[in-house]
């Protein structure tokens, strides 16, 4: 591997999937400190995410307290925010949230997998399609609101059938900014996309998101070389990388991003490919280009 100054790739980078907390000590880092660390590293932007609450308010406060860094909120449409809750999404959008995730831990495709990892989740989980494979009626108003507010639609932890139904309707609604979340991480979901399905979705304009969680040795231990192979087969122009960090057992998000970039370079990605995934493509999704 040719020596690359990682600072050059961190500077101006964007982490679209970060889990800082609100209460110091509960997560590895709180929202304000995560923003300060990102600013110190000269990152361009971060997206704050939570499975338990709408992260829009926390992002507004962090943005005011940490100038010169774009801090965006988001919302996961899980049980904790009322499920597929149009009203919660509307408030989040009003507060400037830029990303709306379909169900994550509350997805029927994910809840048992997350329980197996020790999370004390309640409920049976729910799907966004009915028995005939069609989207439930509550999804269409949600997609209209996402389109109206120029938000990014992220698929969360839903199944491949749900993803294809969702993406098809999203495109009909006029949504152009779509992220396929954790496409290859079977630890999160009962069913995941195969590589041909992922290539189809990305060739039609969606971005595949790959986070460092999957390759951490204390997490899922996926082979980084395999991650690079998948990215190259799809094309870096169709991918984004982010950290998914903030948990107590993991590196701090900024250091995690540095480690991720270094690891991907070590296993064969070029600085140009990494730049596309950590700068150019996220900037396009967040309208920062």
C-alpha atoms as a PDB file:
ATOM      1  CA  UNK A   1       0.000   0.000   0.000  1.00  0.00           C
ATOM      2  CA  UNK A   2       1.331   3.433  -0.950  1.00  0.00           C
ATOM      3  CA  UNK A   3       1.513   5.787   2.030  1.00  0.00           C
ATOM      4  CA  UNK A   4      -1.520   8.046   2.219  1.00  0.00           C
ATOM      5  CA  UNK A   5      -1.997  10.905   4.650  1.00  0.00           C
ATOM      6  CA  UNK A   6      -5.267   9.914   6.337  1.00  0.00           C
ATOM      7  CA  UNK A   7      -5.755  13.508   7.508  1.00  0.00           C
ATOM      8  CA  UNK A   8      -6.290  14.511   3.886  1.00  0.00           C
ATOM      9  CA  UNK A   9      -9.218  12.080   3.632  1.00  0.00           C
ATOM     10  CA  UNK A  10     -10.663  12.895   7.066  1.00  0.00           C
ATOM     11  CA  UNK A  11     -10.632  16.615   6.298  1.00  0.00           C
ATOM     12  CA  UNK A  12     -13.943  17.465   4.628  1.00  0.00           C
ATOM     13  CA  UNK A  13     -15.377  14.005   5.272  1.00  0.00           C
ATOM     14  CA  UNK A  14     -18.970  13.218   6.275  1.00  0.00           C
ATOM     15  CA  UNK A  15     -20.191  10.549   8.687  1.00  0.00           C
ATOM     16  CA  UNK A  16     -23.839   9.858   7.856  1.00  0.00           C
ATOM     17  CA  UNK A  17     -24.402   7.238  10.554  1.00  0.00           C
ATOM     18  CA  UNK A  18     -23.249   8.158  14.053  1.00  0.00           C
ATOM     19  CA  UNK A  19     -24.695   7.140  17.436  1.00  0.00           C
ATOM     20  CA  UNK A  20     -23.690   9.683  20.069  1.00  0.00           C
ATOM     21  CA  UNK A  21     -25.899   9.807  23.151  1.00  0.00           C
ATOM     22  CA  UNK A  22     -27.720  12.503  25.074  1.00  0.00           C
ATOM     23  CA  UNK A  23     -26.656  11.439  28.570  1.00  0.00           C
ATOM     24  CA  UNK A  24     -22.897  11.470  29.270  1.00  0.00           C
ATOM     25  CA  UNK A  25     -21.693   8.003  30.202  1.00  0.00           C
ATOM     26  CA  UNK A  26     -24.483   6.089  28.487  1.00  0.00           C
ATOM     27  CA  UNK A  27     -22.804   6.171  25.080  1.00  0.00           C
ATOM     28  CA  UNK A  28     -19.090   6.432  24.381  1.00  0.00           C
ATOM     29  CA  UNK A  29     -19.600  10.080  23.496  1.00  0.00           C
ATOM     30  CA  UNK A  30     -22.486  12.532  23.734  1.00  0.00           C
ATOM     31  CA  UNK A  31     -23.811  14.570  20.821  1.00  0.00           C
ATOM     32  CA  UNK A  32     -21.979  17.767  21.720  1.00  0.00           C
ATOM     33  CA  UNK A  33     -18.616  16.068  22.199  1.00  0.00           C
ATOM     34  CA  UNK A  34     -19.055  14.071  18.989  1.00  0.00           C
ATOM     35  CA  UNK A  35     -19.611  17.325  17.111  1.00  0.00           C
ATOM     36  CA  UNK A  36     -16.573  18.937  18.750  1.00  0.00           C
ATOM     37  CA  UNK A  37     -14.349  16.003  17.829  1.00  0.00           C
ATOM     38  CA  UNK A  38     -15.602  16.048  14.235  1.00  0.00           C
ATOM     39  CA  UNK A  39     -14.921  19.771  13.981  1.00  0.00           C
ATOM     40  CA  UNK A  40     -11.437  19.323  15.427  1.00  0.00           C
ATOM     41  CA  UNK A  41     -10.733  16.734  12.733  1.00  0.00           C
ATOM     42  CA  UNK A  42     -11.994  19.263  10.135  1.00  0.00           C
ATOM     43  CA  UNK A  43     -14.813  17.027   8.998  1.00  0.00           C
ATOM     44  CA  UNK A  44     -17.559  18.679   6.975  1.00  0.00           C
ATOM     45  CA  UNK A  45     -20.673  17.106   8.513  1.00  0.00           C
ATOM     46  CA  UNK A  46     -22.161  14.412  10.704  1.00  0.00           C
ATOM     47  CA  UNK A  47     -25.612  12.848  10.862  1.00  0.00           C
ATOM     48  CA  UNK A  48     -26.815  11.996  14.376  1.00  0.00           C
ATOM     49  CA  UNK A  49     -28.892   8.816  14.645  1.00  0.00           C
ATOM     50  CA  UNK A  50     -30.767   7.110  17.478  1.00  0.00           C
ATOM     51  CA  UNK A  51     -32.956   4.030  17.678  1.00  0.00           C
ATOM     52  CA  UNK A  52     -34.672   5.381  20.798  1.00  0.00           C
ATOM     53  CA  UNK A  53     -35.649   8.966  19.973  1.00  0.00           C
ATOM     54  CA  UNK A  54     -35.803  11.462  17.133  1.00  0.00           C
ATOM     55  CA  UNK A  55     -32.298  12.902  16.925  1.00  0.00           C
ATOM     56  CA  UNK A  56     -33.451  16.121  15.264  1.00  0.00           C
ATOM     57  CA  UNK A  57     -33.500  18.248  18.436  1.00  0.00           C
ATOM     58  CA  UNK A  58     -30.075  17.103  19.597  1.00  0.00           C
ATOM     59  CA  UNK A  59     -28.633  17.992  16.198  1.00  0.00           C
ATOM     60  CA  UNK A  60     -30.119  21.506  16.312  1.00  0.00           C
ATOM     61  CA  UNK A  61     -28.476  22.195  19.677  1.00  0.00           C
ATOM     62  CA  UNK A  62     -25.114  20.712  18.663  1.00  0.00           C
ATOM     63  CA  UNK A  63     -25.082  22.767  15.489  1.00  0.00           C
ATOM     64  CA  UNK A  64     -25.599  25.974  17.464  1.00  0.00           C
ATOM     65  CA  UNK A  65     -22.852  25.131  19.951  1.00  0.00           C
ATOM     66  CA  UNK A  66     -20.318  23.875  17.405  1.00  0.00           C
ATOM     67  CA  UNK A  67     -20.081  26.366  14.532  1.00  0.00           C
ATOM     68  CA  UNK A  68     -18.406  25.500  11.241  1.00  0.00           C
ATOM     69  CA  UNK A  69     -19.641  21.911  11.312  1.00  0.00           C
ATOM     70  CA  UNK A  70     -22.835  20.755   9.656  1.00  0.00           C
ATOM     71  CA  UNK A  71     -24.784  18.663  12.166  1.00  0.00           C
ATOM     72  CA  UNK A  72     -27.900  16.969  10.819  1.00  0.00           C
ATOM     73  CA  UNK A  73     -30.583  15.125  12.707  1.00  0.00           C
ATOM     74  CA  UNK A  74     -32.497  12.046  11.622  1.00  0.00           C
ATOM     75  CA  UNK A  75     -35.334   9.802  12.709  1.00  0.00           C
ATOM     76  CA  UNK A  76     -35.787   6.035  12.813  1.00  0.00           C
ATOM     77  CA  UNK A  77     -39.422   4.999  12.371  1.00  0.00           C
ATOM     78  CA  UNK A  78     -39.308   2.458  15.206  1.00  0.00           C
ATOM     79  CA  UNK A  79     -41.661   1.684  18.073  1.00  0.00           C
ATOM     80  CA  UNK A  80     -39.950   4.305  20.222  1.00  0.00           C
ATOM     81  CA  UNK A  81     -40.979   7.131  17.876  1.00  0.00           C
ATOM     82  CA  UNK A  82     -44.442   5.700  17.260  1.00  0.00           C
ATOM     83  CA  UNK A  83     -43.558   3.351  14.411  1.00  0.00           C
ATOM     84  CA  UNK A  84     -44.511   4.630  10.967  1.00  0.00           C
ATOM     85  CA  UNK A  85     -45.427   7.948  12.525  1.00  0.00           C
ATOM     86  CA  UNK A  86     -46.134  10.695  10.010  1.00  0.00           C
ATOM     87  CA  UNK A  87     -46.441  13.322  12.748  1.00  0.00           C
ATOM     88  CA  UNK A  88     -43.064  12.514  14.309  1.00  0.00           C
ATOM     89  CA  UNK A  89     -41.459  12.580  10.866  1.00  0.00           C
ATOM     90  CA  UNK A  90     -43.067  15.947  10.114  1.00  0.00           C
ATOM     91  CA  UNK A  91     -41.643  17.475  13.294  1.00  0.00           C
ATOM     92  CA  UNK A  92     -38.202  16.014  12.586  1.00  0.00           C
ATOM     93  CA  UNK A  93     -38.266  17.458   9.068  1.00  0.00           C
ATOM     94  CA  UNK A  94     -39.329  20.857  10.435  1.00  0.00           C
ATOM     95  CA  UNK A  95     -36.304  20.765  12.760  1.00  0.00           C
ATOM     96  CA  UNK A  96     -34.001  20.122   9.816  1.00  0.00           C
ATOM     97  CA  UNK A  97     -33.541  16.355   9.973  1.00  0.00           C
ATOM     98  CA  UNK A  98     -32.098  15.117   6.688  1.00  0.00           C
ATOM     99  CA  UNK A  99     -32.394  11.331   6.973  1.00  0.00           C
ATOM    100  CA  UNK A 100     -35.443   9.154   7.613  1.00  0.00           C
ATOM    101  CA  UNK A 101     -34.750   5.509   8.370  1.00  0.00           C
ATOM    102  CA  UNK A 102     -37.365   2.854   7.868  1.00  0.00           C
ATOM    103  CA  UNK A 103     -37.716   0.519  10.909  1.00  0.00           C
ATOM    104  CA  UNK A 104     -34.412  -0.653  12.325  1.00  0.00           C
ATOM    105  CA  UNK A 105     -34.567  -2.652  15.578  1.00  0.00           C
ATOM    106  CA  UNK A 106     -38.390  -2.681  15.360  1.00  0.00           C
ATOM    107  CA  UNK A 107     -38.405  -4.312  11.941  1.00  0.00           C
ATOM    108  CA  UNK A 108     -39.812  -7.834  11.876  1.00  0.00           C
ATOM    109  CA  UNK A 109     -36.710  -8.670   9.851  1.00  0.00           C
ATOM    110  CA  UNK A 110     -34.400  -7.490  12.638  1.00  0.00           C
ATOM    111  CA  UNK A 111     -35.935  -7.596  16.100  1.00  0.00           C
ATOM    112  CA  UNK A 112     -35.075 -11.211  16.921  1.00  0.00           C
ATOM    113  CA  UNK A 113     -31.535 -10.782  15.605  1.00  0.00           C
ATOM    114  CA  UNK A 114     -31.033  -7.809  17.890  1.00  0.00           C
ATOM    115  CA  UNK A 115     -32.527  -9.660  20.854  1.00  0.00           C
ATOM    116  CA  UNK A 116     -30.014 -12.429  20.213  1.00  0.00           C
ATOM    117  CA  UNK A 117     -27.302  -9.805  20.703  1.00  0.00           C
ATOM    118  CA  UNK A 118     -28.711  -8.986  24.119  1.00  0.00           C
ATOM    119  CA  UNK A 119     -30.931  -5.981  23.465  1.00  0.00           C
ATOM    120  CA  UNK A 120     -34.089  -6.021  25.648  1.00  0.00           C
ATOM    121  CA  UNK A 121     -36.470  -5.153  22.837  1.00  0.00           C
ATOM    122  CA  UNK A 122     -40.226  -5.321  23.270  1.00  0.00           C
ATOM    123  CA  UNK A 123     -42.872  -6.159  20.692  1.00  0.00           C
ATOM    124  CA  UNK A 124     -43.017  -8.557  17.780  1.00  0.00           C
ATOM    125  CA  UNK A 125     -41.598  -6.221  15.172  1.00  0.00           C
ATOM    126  CA  UNK A 126     -43.479  -5.076  12.099  1.00  0.00           C
ATOM    127  CA  UNK A 127     -43.186  -5.113   8.334  1.00  0.00           C
ATOM    128  CA  UNK A 128     -43.918  -2.300   5.895  1.00  0.00           C
ATOM    129  CA  UNK A 129     -45.532  -4.677   3.396  1.00  0.00           C
ATOM    130  CA  UNK A 130     -48.713  -6.715   3.746  1.00  0.00           C
ATOM    131  CA  UNK A 131     -49.204 -10.428   3.030  1.00  0.00           C
ATOM    132  CA  UNK A 132     -49.601  -9.721  -0.683  1.00  0.00           C
ATOM    133  CA  UNK A 133     -46.236  -7.964  -0.791  1.00  0.00           C
ATOM    134  CA  UNK A 134     -47.653  -4.464  -1.195  1.00  0.00           C
ATOM    135  CA  UNK A 135     -46.611  -1.514   0.947  1.00  0.00           C
ATOM    136  CA  UNK A 136     -48.913  -0.786   3.860  1.00  0.00           C
ATOM    137  CA  UNK A 137     -51.065   2.298   3.355  1.00  0.00           C
ATOM    138  CA  UNK A 138     -49.237   4.328   6.011  1.00  0.00           C
ATOM    139  CA  UNK A 139     -46.004   4.258   4.002  1.00  0.00           C
ATOM    140  CA  UNK A 140     -47.140   6.388   1.068  1.00  0.00           C
ATOM    141  CA  UNK A 141     -47.804   9.584   3.075  1.00  0.00           C
ATOM    142  CA  UNK A 142     -44.418   9.096   4.735  1.00  0.00           C
ATOM    143  CA  UNK A 143     -42.698   8.902   1.347  1.00  0.00           C
ATOM    144  CA  UNK A 144     -44.550  11.992   0.163  1.00  0.00           C
ATOM    145  CA  UNK A 145     -43.335  13.903   3.206  1.00  0.00           C
ATOM    146  CA  UNK A 146     -39.750  12.726   2.673  1.00  0.00           C
ATOM    147  CA  UNK A 147     -39.922  13.878  -0.947  1.00  0.00           C
ATOM    148  CA  UNK A 148     -41.500  17.213  -0.044  1.00  0.00           C
ATOM    149  CA  UNK A 149     -38.729  17.963   2.453  1.00  0.00           C
ATOM    150  CA  UNK A 150     -35.899  16.704   0.230  1.00  0.00           C
ATOM    151  CA  UNK A 151     -34.813  14.149   2.827  1.00  0.00           C
ATOM    152  CA  UNK A 152     -32.710  11.030   2.372  1.00  0.00           C
ATOM    153  CA  UNK A 153     -34.618   7.748   2.596  1.00  0.00           C
ATOM    154  CA  UNK A 154     -32.633   4.976   4.317  1.00  0.00           C
ATOM    155  CA  UNK A 155     -33.947   1.418   4.301  1.00  0.00           C
ATOM    156  CA  UNK A 156     -33.070   0.537   7.899  1.00  0.00           C
ATOM    157  CA  UNK A 157     -33.261  -3.172   8.734  1.00  0.00           C
ATOM    158  CA  UNK A 158     -36.157  -4.219   6.527  1.00  0.00           C
ATOM    159  CA  UNK A 159     -36.164  -7.341   4.326  1.00  0.00           C
ATOM    160  CA  UNK A 160     -35.215  -7.506   0.634  1.00  0.00           C
ATOM    161  CA  UNK A 161     -38.901  -7.792  -0.377  1.00  0.00           C
ATOM    162  CA  UNK A 162     -39.674  -4.687   1.634  1.00  0.00           C
ATOM    163  CA  UNK A 163     -36.689  -2.850   0.179  1.00  0.00           C
ATOM    164  CA  UNK A 164     -37.720  -3.465  -3.435  1.00  0.00           C
ATOM    165  CA  UNK A 165     -41.326  -2.469  -2.759  1.00  0.00           C
ATOM    166  CA  UNK A 166     -40.160   0.637  -0.891  1.00  0.00           C
ATOM    167  CA  UNK A 167     -37.611   1.757  -3.476  1.00  0.00           C
ATOM    168  CA  UNK A 168     -40.074   1.252  -6.325  1.00  0.00           C
ATOM    169  CA  UNK A 169     -42.696   3.421  -4.647  1.00  0.00           C
ATOM    170  CA  UNK A 170     -40.101   5.967  -3.530  1.00  0.00           C
ATOM    171  CA  UNK A 171     -39.001   6.497  -7.104  1.00  0.00           C
ATOM    172  CA  UNK A 172     -42.602   6.900  -8.223  1.00  0.00           C
ATOM    173  CA  UNK A 173     -42.975   9.519  -5.487  1.00  0.00           C
ATOM    174  CA  UNK A 174     -39.971  11.420  -6.805  1.00  0.00           C
ATOM    175  CA  UNK A 175     -37.456  10.473  -4.124  1.00  0.00           C
ATOM    176  CA  UNK A 176     -33.984  10.338  -5.636  1.00  0.00           C
ATOM    177  CA  UNK A 177     -31.809  10.084  -2.523  1.00  0.00           C
ATOM    178  CA  UNK A 178     -31.939   6.521  -1.201  1.00  0.00           C
ATOM    179  CA  UNK A 179     -29.519   4.593   1.010  1.00  0.00           C
ATOM    180  CA  UNK A 180     -29.484   0.809   1.364  1.00  0.00           C
ATOM    181  CA  UNK A 181     -28.532   0.338   5.027  1.00  0.00           C
ATOM    182  CA  UNK A 182     -26.226  -2.515   6.158  1.00  0.00           C
ATOM    183  CA  UNK A 183     -26.713  -4.438   2.894  1.00  0.00           C
ATOM    184  CA  UNK A 184     -24.347  -7.293   3.780  1.00  0.00           C
ATOM    185  CA  UNK A 185     -24.553  -7.451   7.594  1.00  0.00           C
ATOM    186  CA  UNK A 186     -26.531 -10.595   8.389  1.00  0.00           C
ATOM    187  CA  UNK A 187     -25.990 -10.032  12.114  1.00  0.00           C
ATOM    188  CA  UNK A 188     -28.608  -7.280  11.990  1.00  0.00           C
ATOM    189  CA  UNK A 189     -31.241  -8.981   9.855  1.00  0.00           C
ATOM    190  CA  UNK A 190     -32.899 -12.326   9.167  1.00  0.00           C
ATOM    191  CA  UNK A 191     -32.811 -11.729   5.414  1.00  0.00           C
ATOM    192  CA  UNK A 192     -30.296  -9.620   3.507  1.00  0.00           C
ATOM    193  CA  UNK A 193     -29.818  -8.694  -0.124  1.00  0.00           C
ATOM    194  CA  UNK A 194     -27.635 -10.842  -2.334  1.00  0.00           C
ATOM    195  CA  UNK A 195     -24.966  -9.147  -4.396  1.00  0.00           C
ATOM    196  CA  UNK A 196     -27.000  -9.198  -7.616  1.00  0.00           C
ATOM    197  CA  UNK A 197     -29.946  -7.527  -5.888  1.00  0.00           C
ATOM    198  CA  UNK A 198     -27.632  -4.914  -4.421  1.00  0.00           C
ATOM    199  CA  UNK A 199     -26.075  -4.234  -7.822  1.00  0.00           C
ATOM    200  CA  UNK A 200     -29.539  -3.790  -9.304  1.00  0.00           C
ATOM    201  CA  UNK A 201     -30.588  -1.280  -6.657  1.00  0.00           C
ATOM    202  CA  UNK A 202     -27.376   0.733  -6.867  1.00  0.00           C
ATOM    203  CA  UNK A 203     -27.332   0.720 -10.664  1.00  0.00           C
ATOM    204  CA  UNK A 204     -30.752   2.363 -10.467  1.00  0.00           C
ATOM    205  CA  UNK A 205     -29.488   5.192  -8.264  1.00  0.00           C
ATOM    206  CA  UNK A 206     -29.497   4.009  -4.645  1.00  0.00           C
ATOM    207  CA  UNK A 207     -26.340   4.152  -2.544  1.00  0.00           C
ATOM    208  CA  UNK A 208     -25.092   1.149  -0.566  1.00  0.00           C
ATOM    209  CA  UNK A 209     -23.881   2.094   2.909  1.00  0.00           C
ATOM    210  CA  UNK A 210     -21.042   0.135   4.508  1.00  0.00           C
ATOM    211  CA  UNK A 211     -20.124   0.853   8.141  1.00  0.00           C
ATOM    212  CA  UNK A 212     -17.070  -0.116  10.166  1.00  0.00           C
ATOM    213  CA  UNK A 213     -19.184  -2.097  12.679  1.00  0.00           C
ATOM    214  CA  UNK A 214     -19.117  -5.165  10.459  1.00  0.00           C
ATOM    215  CA  UNK A 215     -15.341  -5.436  10.313  1.00  0.00           C
ATOM    216  CA  UNK A 216     -14.428  -4.557  13.910  1.00  0.00           C
ATOM    217  CA  UNK A 217     -12.766  -7.493  15.725  1.00  0.00           C
ATOM    218  CA  UNK A 218     -14.967  -6.962  18.796  1.00  0.00           C
ATOM    219  CA  UNK A 219     -18.122  -6.843  16.680  1.00  0.00           C
ATOM    220  CA  UNK A 220     -18.776  -9.056  13.624  1.00  0.00           C
ATOM    221  CA  UNK A 221     -15.226  -9.685  12.393  1.00  0.00           C
ATOM    222  CA  UNK A 222     -16.051  -9.592   8.690  1.00  0.00           C
ATOM    223  CA  UNK A 223     -13.010  -9.825   6.443  1.00  0.00           C
ATOM    224  CA  UNK A 224     -12.125  -6.290   5.260  1.00  0.00           C
ATOM    225  CA  UNK A 225     -10.820  -7.771   2.011  1.00  0.00           C
ATOM    226  CA  UNK A 226     -14.312  -9.129   1.303  1.00  0.00           C
ATOM    227  CA  UNK A 227     -15.809  -5.716   2.063  1.00  0.00           C
ATOM    228  CA  UNK A 228     -13.445  -4.154  -0.465  1.00  0.00           C
ATOM    229  CA  UNK A 229     -14.321  -6.836  -3.029  1.00  0.00           C
ATOM    230  CA  UNK A 230     -18.038  -6.032  -2.673  1.00  0.00           C
ATOM    231  CA  UNK A 231     -17.439  -2.282  -2.949  1.00  0.00           C
ATOM    232  CA  UNK A 232     -15.327  -2.717  -6.079  1.00  0.00           C
ATOM    233  CA  UNK A 233     -17.920  -5.018  -7.657  1.00  0.00           C
ATOM    234  CA  UNK A 234     -20.621  -2.384  -7.098  1.00  0.00           C
ATOM    235  CA  UNK A 235     -18.421   0.607  -7.804  1.00  0.00           C
ATOM    236  CA  UNK A 236     -17.373   3.210  -5.235  1.00  0.00           C
ATOM    237  CA  UNK A 237     -19.483   5.764  -7.080  1.00  0.00           C
ATOM    238  CA  UNK A 238     -22.532   3.855  -5.787  1.00  0.00           C
ATOM    239  CA  UNK A 239     -21.389   3.522  -2.157  1.00  0.00           C
ATOM    240  CA  UNK A 240     -20.924   5.503   1.019  1.00  0.00           C
ATOM    241  CA  UNK A 241     -18.934   4.593   4.125  1.00  0.00           C
ATOM    242  CA  UNK A 242     -19.795   5.656   7.656  1.00  0.00           C
ATOM    243  CA  UNK A 243     -19.011   4.551  11.183  1.00  0.00           C
ATOM    244  CA  UNK A 244     -22.208   3.526  13.030  1.00  0.00           C
ATOM    245  CA  UNK A 245     -20.172   4.261  16.162  1.00  0.00           C
ATOM    246  CA  UNK A 246     -20.916   5.768  19.542  1.00  0.00           C
ATOM    247  CA  UNK A 247     -21.458   2.590  21.545  1.00  0.00           C
ATOM    248  CA  UNK A 248     -19.460   2.176  24.798  1.00  0.00           C
ATOM    249  CA  UNK A 249     -17.407  -0.808  23.567  1.00  0.00           C
ATOM    250  CA  UNK A 250     -16.242   0.763  20.312  1.00  0.00           C
ATOM    251  CA  UNK A 251     -13.762   3.409  19.136  1.00  0.00           C
ATOM    252  CA  UNK A 252     -14.845   7.030  19.152  1.00  0.00           C
ATOM    253  CA  UNK A 253     -16.508   7.906  15.825  1.00  0.00           C
ATOM    254  CA  UNK A 254     -13.740  10.097  14.429  1.00  0.00           C
ATOM    255  CA  UNK A 255     -11.028   7.589  15.329  1.00  0.00           C
ATOM    256  CA  UNK A 256     -13.239   4.823  13.986  1.00  0.00           C
ATOM    257  CA  UNK A 257     -13.546   6.637  10.667  1.00  0.00           C
ATOM    258  CA  UNK A 258      -9.772   7.042  10.549  1.00  0.00           C
ATOM    259  CA  UNK A 259      -9.325   3.313  11.237  1.00  0.00           C
ATOM    260  CA  UNK A 260     -11.932   2.414   8.605  1.00  0.00           C
ATOM    261  CA  UNK A 261     -10.325   4.535   5.911  1.00  0.00           C
ATOM    262  CA  UNK A 262      -6.893   3.134   6.703  1.00  0.00           C
ATOM    263  CA  UNK A 263      -8.212  -0.438   6.620  1.00  0.00           C
ATOM    264  CA  UNK A 264      -9.968  -0.010   3.276  1.00  0.00           C
ATOM    265  CA  UNK A 265      -6.845   1.517   1.751  1.00  0.00           C
ATOM    266  CA  UNK A 266      -4.739  -1.328   3.120  1.00  0.00           C
ATOM    267  CA  UNK A 267      -6.995  -3.852   1.406  1.00  0.00           C
ATOM    268  CA  UNK A 268      -6.917  -2.254  -2.006  1.00  0.00           C
ATOM    269  CA  UNK A 269      -9.205   0.744  -2.318  1.00  0.00           C
ATOM    270  CA  UNK A 270      -7.639   3.887  -3.753  1.00  0.00           C
ATOM    271  CA  UNK A 271      -7.720   7.301  -2.083  1.00  0.00           C
ATOM    272  CA  UNK A 272      -9.966   8.433  -4.931  1.00  0.00           C
ATOM    273  CA  UNK A 273     -12.465   5.632  -4.238  1.00  0.00           C
ATOM    274  CA  UNK A 274     -12.446   6.389  -0.515  1.00  0.00           C
ATOM    275  CA  UNK A 275     -12.923  10.089  -1.239  1.00  0.00           C
ATOM    276  CA  UNK A 276     -15.991   9.310  -3.318  1.00  0.00           C
ATOM    277  CA  UNK A 277     -17.538   7.292  -0.489  1.00  0.00           C
ATOM    278  CA  UNK A 278     -16.701   9.522   2.449  1.00  0.00           C
ATOM    279  CA  UNK A 279     -16.908  12.962   0.826  1.00  0.00           C
ATOM    280  CA  UNK A 280     -18.471  13.245  -2.617  1.00  0.00           C
ATOM    281  CA  UNK A 281     -21.415  10.849  -2.349  1.00  0.00           C
ATOM    282  CA  UNK A 282     -22.514  11.865   1.176  1.00  0.00           C
ATOM    283  CA  UNK A 283     -22.240  15.530   0.165  1.00  0.00           C
ATOM    284  CA  UNK A 284     -24.572  14.837  -2.745  1.00  0.00           C
ATOM    285  CA  UNK A 285     -27.085  13.142  -0.451  1.00  0.00           C
ATOM    286  CA  UNK A 286     -27.009  16.001   2.047  1.00  0.00           C
ATOM    287  CA  UNK A 287     -27.005  18.766  -0.603  1.00  0.00           C
ATOM    288  CA  UNK A 288     -23.572  19.968   0.472  1.00  0.00           C
ATOM    289  CA  UNK A 289     -21.970  19.824  -2.965  1.00  0.00           C
END
